[in-house]
Amino acid sequence: MSKKLYCCGALDYQVESKACPVEYSKQWREYSIRDFNSTSRSLLMFCPNCGTRLPLSLRDEWFDILEHEYGLDDPMEDDKKKVPKEFLNDEWWKSRDLQSDKNENINLTCSLDRPVRLLF
């Protein structure tokens, strides 16, 4: 690894390791821990090593932009072939200047005392 991409060296190592359950999705700027026994993931809000608040996921924005700008109602299934290539990686959010962390906009009604489970 030549360039640190994450908040600490431990998270760098974990994300790059196939044996570790920590994952990073460039497409949604999302950190999660996968369950090796199922398809579920727990969304990470903080680094499990150093405690740094991680950037918010851009998953909702991904779906919103594809629906409003491209008219795609189901980009994961029916409209999958119509999704522009830039939306398959981090290009879409970097080109729209969504790189700044918007942690101040966290919905405080969401309980952060336990992970959010995602089912795929």
PDB file of N, CA and C in Angstrom:
ATOM      1  N   MET A   1       0.840  -1.182   0.000  1.00  0.00           N
ATOM      2  CA  MET A   1       0.000   0.000   0.000  1.00  0.00           C
ATOM      3  C   MET A   1       0.888   1.250   0.000  1.00  0.00           C
ATOM      4  N   SER A   2       0.763   2.035  -1.001  1.00  0.00           N
ATOM      5  CA  SER A   2       1.598   3.227  -1.074  1.00  0.00           C
ATOM      6  C   SER A   2       0.923   4.453  -0.484  1.00  0.00           C
ATOM      7  N   LYS A   3      -0.357   4.525  -0.551  1.00  0.00           N
ATOM      8  CA  LYS A   3      -1.072   5.711  -0.092  1.00  0.00           C
ATOM      9  C   LYS A   3      -2.169   5.303   0.890  1.00  0.00           C
ATOM     10  N   LYS A   4      -2.197   5.940   2.051  1.00  0.00           N
ATOM     11  CA  LYS A   4      -3.230   5.649   3.034  1.00  0.00           C
ATOM     12  C   LYS A   4      -4.558   6.211   2.545  1.00  0.00           C
ATOM     13  N   LEU A   5      -5.560   5.347   2.487  1.00  0.00           N
ATOM     14  CA  LEU A   5      -6.863   5.762   1.989  1.00  0.00           C
ATOM     15  C   LEU A   5      -7.861   6.007   3.101  1.00  0.00           C
ATOM     16  N   TYR A   6      -7.604   5.466   4.270  1.00  0.00           N
ATOM     17  CA  TYR A   6      -8.578   5.474   5.344  1.00  0.00           C
ATOM     18  C   TYR A   6      -8.033   6.256   6.530  1.00  0.00           C
ATOM     19  N   CYS A   7      -8.699   6.216   7.643  1.00  0.00           N
ATOM     20  CA  CYS A   7      -8.331   7.056   8.783  1.00  0.00           C
ATOM     21  C   CYS A   7      -7.105   6.561   9.541  1.00  0.00           C
ATOM     22  N   CYS A   8      -6.818   5.263   9.480  1.00  0.00           N
ATOM     23  CA  CYS A   8      -5.658   4.734  10.201  1.00  0.00           C
ATOM     24  C   CYS A   8      -5.102   3.517   9.470  1.00  0.00           C
ATOM     25  N   GLY A   9      -3.875   3.168   9.772  1.00  0.00           N
ATOM     26  CA  GLY A   9      -3.226   2.033   9.136  1.00  0.00           C
ATOM     27  C   GLY A   9      -3.953   0.724   9.369  1.00  0.00           C
ATOM     28  N   ALA A  10      -4.558   0.577  10.538  1.00  0.00           N
ATOM     29  CA  ALA A  10      -5.281  -0.662  10.838  1.00  0.00           C
ATOM     30  C   ALA A  10      -6.482  -0.824   9.902  1.00  0.00           C
ATOM     31  N   LEU A  11      -7.209   0.254   9.662  1.00  0.00           N
ATOM     32  CA  LEU A  11      -8.360   0.170   8.763  1.00  0.00           C
ATOM     33  C   LEU A  11      -7.890  -0.062   7.326  1.00  0.00           C
ATOM     34  N   ASP A  12      -6.770   0.566   6.938  1.00  0.00           N
ATOM     35  CA  ASP A  12      -6.168   0.303   5.623  1.00  0.00           C
ATOM     36  C   ASP A  12      -5.963  -1.192   5.434  1.00  0.00           C
ATOM     37  N   TYR A  13      -5.312  -1.797   6.405  1.00  0.00           N
ATOM     38  CA  TYR A  13      -4.999  -3.222   6.329  1.00  0.00           C
ATOM     39  C   TYR A  13      -6.273  -4.061   6.279  1.00  0.00           C
ATOM     40  N   GLN A  14      -7.221  -3.761   7.125  1.00  0.00           N
ATOM     41  CA  GLN A  14      -8.450  -4.552   7.203  1.00  0.00           C
ATOM     42  C   GLN A  14      -9.250  -4.499   5.903  1.00  0.00           C
ATOM     43  N   VAL A  15      -9.377  -3.319   5.322  1.00  0.00           N
ATOM     44  CA  VAL A  15     -10.140  -3.170   4.090  1.00  0.00           C
ATOM     45  C   VAL A  15      -9.465  -3.930   2.944  1.00  0.00           C
ATOM     46  N   GLU A  16      -8.155  -3.932   2.921  1.00  0.00           N
ATOM     47  CA  GLU A  16      -7.416  -4.589   1.843  1.00  0.00           C
ATOM     48  C   GLU A  16      -7.308  -6.100   2.035  1.00  0.00           C
ATOM     49  N   SER A  17      -7.531  -6.601   3.235  1.00  0.00           N
ATOM     50  CA  SER A  17      -7.393  -8.024   3.535  1.00  0.00           C
ATOM     51  C   SER A  17      -8.661  -8.799   3.177  1.00  0.00           C
ATOM     52  N   LYS A  18      -8.505  -9.874   2.423  1.00  0.00           N
ATOM     53  CA  LYS A  18      -9.655 -10.723   2.062  1.00  0.00           C
ATOM     54  C   LYS A  18     -10.168 -11.511   3.270  1.00  0.00           C
ATOM     55  N   ALA A  19      -9.312 -11.715   4.269  1.00  0.00           N
ATOM     56  CA  ALA A  19      -9.689 -12.515   5.438  1.00  0.00           C
ATOM     57  C   ALA A  19     -10.455 -11.704   6.481  1.00  0.00           C
ATOM     58  N   CYS A  20     -10.401 -10.394   6.369  1.00  0.00           N
ATOM     59  CA  CYS A  20     -11.054  -9.522   7.354  1.00  0.00           C
ATOM     60  C   CYS A  20     -12.461  -9.153   6.872  1.00  0.00           C
ATOM     61  N   PRO A  21     -13.418  -9.089   7.771  1.00  0.00           N
ATOM     62  CA  PRO A  21     -14.794  -8.786   7.361  1.00  0.00           C
ATOM     63  C   PRO A  21     -15.071  -7.307   7.094  1.00  0.00           C
ATOM     64  N   VAL A  22     -14.097  -6.415   7.295  1.00  0.00           N
ATOM     65  CA  VAL A  22     -14.315  -4.989   7.055  1.00  0.00           C
ATOM     66  C   VAL A  22     -14.204  -4.712   5.556  1.00  0.00           C
ATOM     67  N   GLU A  23     -15.187  -3.997   5.015  1.00  0.00           N
ATOM     68  CA  GLU A  23     -15.209  -3.670   3.593  1.00  0.00           C
ATOM     69  C   GLU A  23     -15.443  -2.183   3.380  1.00  0.00           C
ATOM     70  N   TYR A  24     -14.990  -1.699   2.228  1.00  0.00           N
ATOM     71  CA  TYR A  24     -15.264  -0.323   1.823  1.00  0.00           C
ATOM     72  C   TYR A  24     -15.845  -0.360   0.418  1.00  0.00           C
ATOM     73  N   SER A  25     -16.963   0.296   0.217  1.00  0.00           N
ATOM     74  CA  SER A  25     -17.580   0.402  -1.093  1.00  0.00           C
ATOM     75  C   SER A  25     -17.281   1.785  -1.657  1.00  0.00           C
ATOM     76  N   LYS A  26     -16.469   1.840  -2.713  1.00  0.00           N
ATOM     77  CA  LYS A  26     -16.187   3.114  -3.375  1.00  0.00           C
ATOM     78  C   LYS A  26     -17.460   3.690  -3.986  1.00  0.00           C
ATOM     79  N   GLN A  27     -18.307   2.806  -4.472  1.00  0.00           N
ATOM     80  CA  GLN A  27     -19.541   3.220  -5.136  1.00  0.00           C
ATOM     81  C   GLN A  27     -20.430   4.048  -4.218  1.00  0.00           C
ATOM     82  N   TRP A  28     -20.505   3.660  -2.952  1.00  0.00           N
ATOM     83  CA  TRP A  28     -21.390   4.349  -2.012  1.00  0.00           C
ATOM     84  C   TRP A  28     -20.648   5.047  -0.880  1.00  0.00           C
ATOM     85  N   ARG A  29     -19.295   5.077  -0.938  1.00  0.00           N
ATOM     86  CA  ARG A  29     -18.481   5.662   0.138  1.00  0.00           C
ATOM     87  C   ARG A  29     -18.968   5.131   1.491  1.00  0.00           C
ATOM     88  N   GLU A  30     -18.956   3.804   1.580  1.00  0.00           N
ATOM     89  CA  GLU A  30     -19.605   3.145   2.706  1.00  0.00           C
ATOM     90  C   GLU A  30     -18.693   2.079   3.314  1.00  0.00           C
ATOM     91  N   TYR A  31     -18.536   2.136   4.611  1.00  0.00           N
ATOM     92  CA  TYR A  31     -17.757   1.147   5.345  1.00  0.00           C
ATOM     93  C   TYR A  31     -18.712   0.182   6.039  1.00  0.00           C
ATOM     94  N   SER A  32     -18.402  -1.108   6.002  1.00  0.00           N
ATOM     95  CA  SER A  32     -19.274  -2.091   6.639  1.00  0.00           C
ATOM     96  C   SER A  32     -18.461  -3.292   7.107  1.00  0.00           C
ATOM     97  N   ILE A  33     -19.107  -4.093   7.923  1.00  0.00           N
ATOM     98  CA  ILE A  33     -18.547  -5.376   8.342  1.00  0.00           C
ATOM     99  C   ILE A  33     -19.492  -6.441   7.811  1.00  0.00           C
ATOM    100  N   ARG A  34     -18.942  -7.380   7.053  1.00  0.00           N
ATOM    101  CA  ARG A  34     -19.797  -8.419   6.483  1.00  0.00           C
ATOM    102  C   ARG A  34     -19.872  -9.625   7.411  1.00  0.00           C
ATOM    103  N   ASP A  35     -20.964 -10.298   7.331  1.00  0.00           N
ATOM    104  CA  ASP A  35     -21.181 -11.541   8.068  1.00  0.00           C
ATOM    105  C   ASP A  35     -20.811 -12.669   7.114  1.00  0.00           C
ATOM    106  N   PHE A  36     -19.781 -13.449   7.453  1.00  0.00           N
ATOM    107  CA  PHE A  36     -19.324 -14.514   6.569  1.00  0.00           C
ATOM    108  C   PHE A  36     -20.374 -15.604   6.367  1.00  0.00           C
ATOM    109  N   ASN A  37     -21.365 -15.687   7.238  1.00  0.00           N
ATOM    110  CA  ASN A  37     -22.370 -16.744   7.157  1.00  0.00           C
ATOM    111  C   ASN A  37     -23.664 -16.323   6.468  1.00  0.00           C
ATOM    112  N   SER A  38     -23.717 -15.081   5.995  1.00  0.00           N
ATOM    113  CA  SER A  38     -24.920 -14.609   5.309  1.00  0.00           C
ATOM    114  C   SER A  38     -24.526 -13.498   4.336  1.00  0.00           C
ATOM    115  N   THR A  39     -25.520 -12.852   3.773  1.00  0.00           N
ATOM    116  CA  THR A  39     -25.255 -11.734   2.858  1.00  0.00           C
ATOM    117  C   THR A  39     -25.434 -10.385   3.545  1.00  0.00           C
ATOM    118  N   SER A  40     -25.645 -10.386   4.849  1.00  0.00           N
ATOM    119  CA  SER A  40     -25.871  -9.122   5.556  1.00  0.00           C
ATOM    120  C   SER A  40     -24.561  -8.421   5.888  1.00  0.00           C
ATOM    121  N   ARG A  41     -24.671  -7.121   6.087  1.00  0.00           N
ATOM    122  CA  ARG A  41     -23.547  -6.276   6.464  1.00  0.00           C
ATOM    123  C   ARG A  41     -24.020  -5.312   7.542  1.00  0.00           C
ATOM    124  N   SER A  42     -23.094  -4.950   8.419  1.00  0.00           N
ATOM    125  CA  SER A  42     -23.371  -3.934   9.435  1.00  0.00           C
ATOM    126  C   SER A  42     -22.640  -2.669   9.026  1.00  0.00           C
ATOM    127  N   LEU A  43     -23.366  -1.597   8.851  1.00  0.00           N
ATOM    128  CA  LEU A  43     -22.798  -0.324   8.445  1.00  0.00           C
ATOM    129  C   LEU A  43     -21.961   0.246   9.584  1.00  0.00           C
ATOM    130  N   LEU A  44     -20.759   0.708   9.273  1.00  0.00           N
ATOM    131  CA  LEU A  44     -19.877   1.309  10.271  1.00  0.00           C
ATOM    132  C   LEU A  44     -20.017   2.824  10.247  1.00  0.00           C
ATOM    133  N   MET A  45     -20.245   3.405  11.383  1.00  0.00           N
ATOM    134  CA  MET A  45     -20.292   4.862  11.515  1.00  0.00           C
ATOM    135  C   MET A  45     -18.964   5.405  12.054  1.00  0.00           C
ATOM    136  N   PHE A  46     -18.226   4.539  12.766  1.00  0.00           N
ATOM    137  CA  PHE A  46     -16.945   4.902  13.355  1.00  0.00           C
ATOM    138  C   PHE A  46     -15.926   3.826  13.034  1.00  0.00           C
ATOM    139  N   CYS A  47     -14.648   4.207  12.939  1.00  0.00           N
ATOM    140  CA  CYS A  47     -13.580   3.238  12.723  1.00  0.00           C
ATOM    141  C   CYS A  47     -13.523   2.313  13.940  1.00  0.00           C
ATOM    142  N   PRO A  48     -13.526   0.999  13.738  1.00  0.00           N
ATOM    143  CA  PRO A  48     -13.478   0.071  14.863  1.00  0.00           C
ATOM    144  C   PRO A  48     -12.125   0.053  15.570  1.00  0.00           C
ATOM    145  N   ASN A  49     -11.127   0.723  14.984  1.00  0.00           N
ATOM    146  CA  ASN A  49      -9.780   0.721  15.550  1.00  0.00           C
ATOM    147  C   ASN A  49      -9.432   1.996  16.300  1.00  0.00           C
ATOM    148  N   CYS A  50      -9.632   3.140  15.627  1.00  0.00           N
ATOM    149  CA  CYS A  50      -9.222   4.407  16.236  1.00  0.00           C
ATOM    150  C   CYS A  50     -10.391   5.270  16.693  1.00  0.00           C
ATOM    151  N   GLY A  51     -11.620   4.902  16.329  1.00  0.00           N
ATOM    152  CA  GLY A  51     -12.800   5.632  16.772  1.00  0.00           C
ATOM    153  C   GLY A  51     -13.155   6.846  15.938  1.00  0.00           C
ATOM    154  N   THR A  52     -12.422   7.110  14.866  1.00  0.00           N
ATOM    155  CA  THR A  52     -12.712   8.258  14.009  1.00  0.00           C
ATOM    156  C   THR A  52     -14.073   8.081  13.342  1.00  0.00           C
ATOM    157  N   ARG A  53     -14.861   9.160  13.311  1.00  0.00           N
ATOM    158  CA  ARG A  53     -16.152   9.096  12.612  1.00  0.00           C
ATOM    159  C   ARG A  53     -15.862   8.917  11.127  1.00  0.00           C
ATOM    160  N   LEU A  54     -16.483   7.928  10.534  1.00  0.00           N
ATOM    161  CA  LEU A  54     -16.280   7.642   9.120  1.00  0.00           C
ATOM    162  C   LEU A  54     -17.247   8.474   8.280  1.00  0.00           C
ATOM    163  N   PRO A  55     -16.916   8.702   7.011  1.00  0.00           N
ATOM    164  CA  PRO A  55     -17.822   9.474   6.152  1.00  0.00           C
ATOM    165  C   PRO A  55     -19.177   8.787   6.058  1.00  0.00           C
ATOM    166  N   LEU A  56     -20.202   9.575   5.889  1.00  0.00           N
ATOM    167  CA  LEU A  56     -21.540   9.024   5.734  1.00  0.00           C
ATOM    168  C   LEU A  56     -21.668   8.312   4.393  1.00  0.00           C
ATOM    169  N   SER A  57     -22.463   7.283   4.374  1.00  0.00           N
ATOM    170  CA  SER A  57     -22.753   6.547   3.145  1.00  0.00           C
ATOM    171  C   SER A  57     -23.492   7.457   2.173  1.00  0.00           C
ATOM    172  N   LEU A  58     -23.207   7.276   0.896  1.00  0.00           N
ATOM    173  CA  LEU A  58     -23.898   8.028  -0.151  1.00  0.00           C
ATOM    174  C   LEU A  58     -24.880   7.135  -0.910  1.00  0.00           C
ATOM    175  N   ARG A  59     -25.258   6.027  -0.310  1.00  0.00           N
ATOM    176  CA  ARG A  59     -26.180   5.075  -0.937  1.00  0.00           C
ATOM    177  C   ARG A  59     -27.499   5.744  -1.342  1.00  0.00           C
ATOM    178  N   ASP A  60     -28.117   6.485  -0.438  1.00  0.00           N
ATOM    179  CA  ASP A  60     -29.395   7.136  -0.752  1.00  0.00           C
ATOM    180  C   ASP A  60     -29.254   8.129  -1.891  1.00  0.00           C
ATOM    181  N   GLU A  61     -28.158   8.901  -1.905  1.00  0.00           N
ATOM    182  CA  GLU A  61     -27.919   9.867  -2.971  1.00  0.00           C
ATOM    183  C   GLU A  61     -27.760   9.155  -4.311  1.00  0.00           C
ATOM    184  N   TRP A  62     -27.093   7.995  -4.314  1.00  0.00           N
ATOM    185  CA  TRP A  62     -26.893   7.202  -5.526  1.00  0.00           C
ATOM    186  C   TRP A  62     -28.241   6.866  -6.160  1.00  0.00           C
ATOM    187  N   PHE A  63     -29.134   6.317  -5.349  1.00  0.00           N
ATOM    188  CA  PHE A  63     -30.462   5.970  -5.853  1.00  0.00           C
ATOM    189  C   PHE A  63     -31.245   7.213  -6.285  1.00  0.00           C
ATOM    190  N   ASP A  64     -31.184   8.286  -5.491  1.00  0.00           N
ATOM    191  CA  ASP A  64     -31.916   9.516  -5.812  1.00  0.00           C
ATOM    192  C   ASP A  64     -31.460  10.119  -7.139  1.00  0.00           C
ATOM    193  N   ILE A  65     -30.150  10.201  -7.345  1.00  0.00           N
ATOM    194  CA  ILE A  65     -29.617  10.792  -8.575  1.00  0.00           C
ATOM    195  C   ILE A  65     -29.993   9.943  -9.781  1.00  0.00           C
ATOM    196  N   LEU A  66     -29.865   8.627  -9.648  1.00  0.00           N
ATOM    197  CA  LEU A  66     -30.226   7.764 -10.778  1.00  0.00           C
ATOM    198  C   LEU A  66     -31.709   7.872 -11.119  1.00  0.00           C
ATOM    199  N   GLU A  67     -32.533   8.067 -10.110  1.00  0.00           N
ATOM    200  CA  GLU A  67     -33.967   8.203 -10.370  1.00  0.00           C
ATOM    201  C   GLU A  67     -34.288   9.561 -10.982  1.00  0.00           C
ATOM    202  N   HIS A  68     -33.777  10.648 -10.370  1.00  0.00           N
ATOM    203  CA  HIS A  68     -34.140  11.995 -10.823  1.00  0.00           C
ATOM    204  C   HIS A  68     -33.429  12.440 -12.092  1.00  0.00           C
ATOM    205  N   GLU A  69     -32.141  12.101 -12.248  1.00  0.00           N
ATOM    206  CA  GLU A  69     -31.402  12.549 -13.423  1.00  0.00           C
ATOM    207  C   GLU A  69     -31.496  11.591 -14.605  1.00  0.00           C
ATOM    208  N   TYR A  70     -31.695  10.298 -14.331  1.00  0.00           N
ATOM    209  CA  TYR A  70     -31.681   9.304 -15.398  1.00  0.00           C
ATOM    210  C   TYR A  70     -32.988   8.532 -15.530  1.00  0.00           C
ATOM    211  N   GLY A  71     -33.950   8.770 -14.645  1.00  0.00           N
ATOM    212  CA  GLY A  71     -35.233   8.100 -14.722  1.00  0.00           C
ATOM    213  C   GLY A  71     -35.195   6.605 -14.434  1.00  0.00           C
ATOM    214  N   LEU A  72     -34.200   6.156 -13.671  1.00  0.00           N
ATOM    215  CA  LEU A  72     -34.071   4.733 -13.370  1.00  0.00           C
ATOM    216  C   LEU A  72     -34.760   4.426 -12.041  1.00  0.00           C
ATOM    217  N   ASP A  73     -35.816   3.639 -12.095  1.00  0.00           N
ATOM    218  CA  ASP A  73     -36.570   3.293 -10.891  1.00  0.00           C
ATOM    219  C   ASP A  73     -35.962   2.117 -10.140  1.00  0.00           C
ATOM    220  N   ASP A  74     -35.300   1.213 -10.845  1.00  0.00           N
ATOM    221  CA  ASP A  74     -34.756   0.012 -10.229  1.00  0.00           C
ATOM    222  C   ASP A  74     -33.331  -0.260 -10.737  1.00  0.00           C
ATOM    223  N   PRO A  75     -32.352   0.566 -10.317  1.00  0.00           N
ATOM    224  CA  PRO A  75     -30.992   0.419 -10.841  1.00  0.00           C
ATOM    225  C   PRO A  75     -30.268  -0.850 -10.392  1.00  0.00           C
ATOM    226  N   MET A  76     -30.824  -1.554  -9.417  1.00  0.00           N
ATOM    227  CA  MET A  76     -30.182  -2.785  -8.947  1.00  0.00           C
ATOM    228  C   MET A  76     -30.657  -4.013  -9.723  1.00  0.00           C
ATOM    229  N   GLU A  77     -31.816  -3.931 -10.346  1.00  0.00           N
ATOM    230  CA  GLU A  77     -32.379  -5.091 -11.044  1.00  0.00           C
ATOM    231  C   GLU A  77     -32.802  -4.730 -12.476  1.00  0.00           C
ATOM    232  N   ASP A  78     -34.036  -4.259 -12.643  1.00  0.00           N
ATOM    233  CA  ASP A  78     -34.611  -4.031 -13.978  1.00  0.00           C
ATOM    234  C   ASP A  78     -33.825  -3.027 -14.821  1.00  0.00           C
ATOM    235  N   ASP A  79     -33.322  -1.965 -14.203  1.00  0.00           N
ATOM    236  CA  ASP A  79     -32.600  -0.911 -14.932  1.00  0.00           C
ATOM    237  C   ASP A  79     -31.080  -1.044 -14.820  1.00  0.00           C
ATOM    238  N   LYS A  80     -30.599  -2.169 -14.353  1.00  0.00           N
ATOM    239  CA  LYS A  80     -29.167  -2.348 -14.076  1.00  0.00           C
ATOM    240  C   LYS A  80     -28.294  -2.049 -15.303  1.00  0.00           C
ATOM    241  N   LYS A  81     -28.715  -2.470 -16.479  1.00  0.00           N
ATOM    242  CA  LYS A  81     -27.923  -2.263 -17.699  1.00  0.00           C
ATOM    243  C   LYS A  81     -27.917  -0.813 -18.158  1.00  0.00           C
ATOM    244  N   LYS A  82     -28.827  -0.002 -17.628  1.00  0.00           N
ATOM    245  CA  LYS A  82     -28.915   1.408 -18.007  1.00  0.00           C
ATOM    246  C   LYS A  82     -28.101   2.322 -17.095  1.00  0.00           C
ATOM    247  N   VAL A  83     -27.546   1.782 -16.017  1.00  0.00           N
ATOM    248  CA  VAL A  83     -26.771   2.589 -15.064  1.00  0.00           C
ATOM    249  C   VAL A  83     -25.474   3.041 -15.736  1.00  0.00           C
ATOM    250  N   PRO A  84     -25.225   4.364 -15.796  1.00  0.00           N
ATOM    251  CA  PRO A  84     -23.987   4.860 -16.391  1.00  0.00           C
ATOM    252  C   PRO A  84     -22.757   4.315 -15.650  1.00  0.00           C
ATOM    253  N   LYS A  85     -21.679   4.087 -16.389  1.00  0.00           N
ATOM    254  CA  LYS A  85     -20.467   3.482 -15.821  1.00  0.00           C
ATOM    255  C   LYS A  85     -19.913   4.260 -14.637  1.00  0.00           C
ATOM    256  N   GLU A  86     -20.046   5.582 -14.653  1.00  0.00           N
ATOM    257  CA  GLU A  86     -19.514   6.388 -13.551  1.00  0.00           C
ATOM    258  C   GLU A  86     -20.153   6.016 -12.214  1.00  0.00           C
ATOM    259  N   PHE A  87     -21.355   5.429 -12.243  1.00  0.00           N
ATOM    260  CA  PHE A  87     -22.064   5.067 -11.015  1.00  0.00           C
ATOM    261  C   PHE A  87     -21.650   3.706 -10.475  1.00  0.00           C
ATOM    262  N   LEU A  88     -20.727   3.038 -11.141  1.00  0.00           N
ATOM    263  CA  LEU A  88     -20.252   1.736 -10.686  1.00  0.00           C
ATOM    264  C   LEU A  88     -19.012   1.853  -9.809  1.00  0.00           C
ATOM    265  N   ASN A  89     -18.531   3.073  -9.618  1.00  0.00           N
ATOM    266  CA  ASN A  89     -17.376   3.331  -8.745  1.00  0.00           C
ATOM    267  C   ASN A  89     -17.579   4.684  -8.061  1.00  0.00           C
ATOM    268  N   ASP A  90     -16.506   5.333  -7.651  1.00  0.00           N
ATOM    269  CA  ASP A  90     -16.611   6.598  -6.916  1.00  0.00           C
ATOM    270  C   ASP A  90     -16.646   7.840  -7.809  1.00  0.00           C
ATOM    271  N   GLU A  91     -16.586   7.658  -9.107  1.00  0.00           N
ATOM    272  CA  GLU A  91     -16.546   8.795 -10.032  1.00  0.00           C
ATOM    273  C   GLU A  91     -17.786   9.683  -9.910  1.00  0.00           C
ATOM    274  N   TRP A  92     -18.967   9.089  -9.751  1.00  0.00           N
ATOM    275  CA  TRP A  92     -20.224   9.849  -9.722  1.00  0.00           C
ATOM    276  C   TRP A  92     -20.260  10.833  -8.570  1.00  0.00           C
ATOM    277  N   TRP A  93     -19.824  10.448  -7.371  1.00  0.00           N
ATOM    278  CA  TRP A  93     -19.912  11.368  -6.241  1.00  0.00           C
ATOM    279  C   TRP A  93     -18.740  12.334  -6.192  1.00  0.00           C
ATOM    280  N   LYS A  94     -17.601  11.934  -6.725  1.00  0.00           N
ATOM    281  CA  LYS A  94     -16.474  12.867  -6.784  1.00  0.00           C
ATOM    282  C   LYS A  94     -16.741  13.963  -7.810  1.00  0.00           C
ATOM    283  N   SER A  95     -17.351  13.609  -8.940  1.00  0.00           N
ATOM    284  CA  SER A  95     -17.630  14.613  -9.979  1.00  0.00           C
ATOM    285  C   SER A  95     -18.755  15.570  -9.573  1.00  0.00           C
ATOM    286  N   ARG A  96     -19.553  15.187  -8.599  1.00  0.00           N
ATOM    287  CA  ARG A  96     -20.648  16.037  -8.110  1.00  0.00           C
ATOM    288  C   ARG A  96     -20.261  16.765  -6.822  1.00  0.00           C
ATOM    289  N   ASP A  97     -18.998  16.726  -6.495  1.00  0.00           N
ATOM    290  CA  ASP A  97     -18.459  17.398  -5.311  1.00  0.00           C
ATOM    291  C   ASP A  97     -19.180  16.967  -4.024  1.00  0.00           C
ATOM    292  N   LEU A  98     -19.415  15.666  -3.889  1.00  0.00           N
ATOM    293  CA  LEU A  98     -20.017  15.122  -2.673  1.00  0.00           C
ATOM    294  C   LEU A  98     -18.944  14.551  -1.753  1.00  0.00           C
ATOM    295  N   GLN A  99     -17.691  14.963  -1.978  1.00  0.00           N
ATOM    296  CA  GLN A  99     -16.582  14.434  -1.200  1.00  0.00           C
ATOM    297  C   GLN A  99     -16.552  14.950   0.225  1.00  0.00           C
ATOM    298  N   SER A 100     -17.076  16.147   0.439  1.00  0.00           N
ATOM    299  CA  SER A 100     -17.032  16.706   1.785  1.00  0.00           C
ATOM    300  C   SER A 100     -17.895  15.858   2.704  1.00  0.00           C
ATOM    301  N   ASP A 101     -17.410  15.682   3.900  1.00  0.00           N
ATOM    302  CA  ASP A 101     -18.124  14.863   4.874  1.00  0.00           C
ATOM    303  C   ASP A 101     -19.256  15.690   5.454  1.00  0.00           C
ATOM    304  N   LYS A 102     -20.441  15.124   5.465  1.00  0.00           N
ATOM    305  CA  LYS A 102     -21.616  15.856   5.945  1.00  0.00           C
ATOM    306  C   LYS A 102     -22.078  15.284   7.282  1.00  0.00           C
ATOM    307  N   ASN A 103     -21.141  15.002   8.173  1.00  0.00           N
ATOM    308  CA  ASN A 103     -21.492  14.407   9.462  1.00  0.00           C
ATOM    309  C   ASN A 103     -22.398  15.297  10.292  1.00  0.00           C
ATOM    310  N   GLU A 104     -22.368  16.599  10.059  1.00  0.00           N
ATOM    311  CA  GLU A 104     -23.223  17.478  10.830  1.00  0.00           C
ATOM    312  C   GLU A 104     -24.693  17.267  10.485  1.00  0.00           C
ATOM    313  N   ASN A 105     -24.965  16.581   9.369  1.00  0.00           N
ATOM    314  CA  ASN A 105     -26.338  16.341   8.943  1.00  0.00           C
ATOM    315  C   ASN A 105     -26.860  14.969   9.354  1.00  0.00           C
ATOM    316  N   ILE A 106     -26.193  14.303  10.267  1.00  0.00           N
ATOM    317  CA  ILE A 106     -26.651  12.989  10.704  1.00  0.00           C
ATOM    318  C   ILE A 106     -28.025  13.112  11.343  1.00  0.00           C
ATOM    319  N   ASN A 107     -28.911  12.225  10.980  1.00  0.00           N
ATOM    320  CA  ASN A 107     -30.248  12.181  11.557  1.00  0.00           C
ATOM    321  C   ASN A 107     -30.117  11.699  12.998  1.00  0.00           C
ATOM    322  N   LEU A 108     -30.304  12.575  13.945  1.00  0.00           N
ATOM    323  CA  LEU A 108     -30.098  12.226  15.345  1.00  0.00           C
ATOM    324  C   LEU A 108     -31.198  11.335  15.898  1.00  0.00           C
ATOM    325  N   THR A 109     -32.241  11.079  15.124  1.00  0.00           N
ATOM    326  CA  THR A 109     -33.252  10.128  15.577  1.00  0.00           C
ATOM    327  C   THR A 109     -32.780   8.694  15.333  1.00  0.00           C
ATOM    328  N   CYS A 110     -31.709   8.557  14.559  1.00  0.00           N
ATOM    329  CA  CYS A 110     -31.136   7.236  14.305  1.00  0.00           C
ATOM    330  C   CYS A 110     -30.272   6.844  15.494  1.00  0.00           C
ATOM    331  N   SER A 111     -30.478   5.670  16.019  1.00  0.00           N
ATOM    332  CA  SER A 111     -29.704   5.193  17.153  1.00  0.00           C
ATOM    333  C   SER A 111     -28.326   4.751  16.681  1.00  0.00           C
ATOM    334  N   LEU A 112     -27.286   5.370  17.199  1.00  0.00           N
ATOM    335  CA  LEU A 112     -25.922   5.015  16.818  1.00  0.00           C
ATOM    336  C   LEU A 112     -25.280   4.068  17.832  1.00  0.00           C
ATOM    337  N   ASP A 113     -26.074   3.527  18.747  1.00  0.00           N
ATOM    338  CA  ASP A 113     -25.501   2.653  19.770  1.00  0.00           C
ATOM    339  C   ASP A 113     -25.398   1.202  19.311  1.00  0.00           C
ATOM    340  N   ARG A 114     -25.842   0.921  18.089  1.00  0.00           N
ATOM    341  CA  ARG A 114     -25.692  -0.419  17.532  1.00  0.00           C
ATOM    342  C   ARG A 114     -25.608  -0.303  16.012  1.00  0.00           C
ATOM    343  N   PRO A 115     -25.003  -1.291  15.350  1.00  0.00           N
ATOM    344  CA  PRO A 115     -24.840  -1.197  13.894  1.00  0.00           C
ATOM    345  C   PRO A 115     -26.171  -1.310  13.167  1.00  0.00           C
ATOM    346  N   VAL A 116     -26.220  -0.704  11.997  1.00  0.00           N
ATOM    347  CA  VAL A 116     -27.372  -0.821  11.121  1.00  0.00           C
ATOM    348  C   VAL A 116     -27.141  -2.048  10.247  1.00  0.00           C
ATOM    349  N   ARG A 117     -28.105  -2.937  10.161  1.00  0.00           N
ATOM    350  CA  ARG A 117     -27.964  -4.153   9.378  1.00  0.00           C
ATOM    351  C   ARG A 117     -28.488  -3.917   7.964  1.00  0.00           C
ATOM    352  N   LEU A 118     -27.706  -4.320   6.967  1.00  0.00           N
ATOM    353  CA  LEU A 118     -28.090  -4.205   5.575  1.00  0.00           C
ATOM    354  C   LEU A 118     -28.219  -5.606   5.005  1.00  0.00           C
ATOM    355  N   LEU A 119     -29.283  -5.880   4.324  1.00  0.00           N
ATOM    356  CA  LEU A 119     -29.464  -7.184   3.709  1.00  0.00           C
ATOM    357  C   LEU A 119     -29.367  -7.050   2.204  1.00  0.00           C
ATOM    358  N   PHE A 120     -28.546  -7.873   1.590  1.00  0.00           N
ATOM    359  CA  PHE A 120     -28.338  -7.837   0.137  1.00  0.00           C
ATOM    360  C   PHE A 120     -28.828  -9.117  -0.482  1.00  0.00           C
TER     361      PHE A 120
END
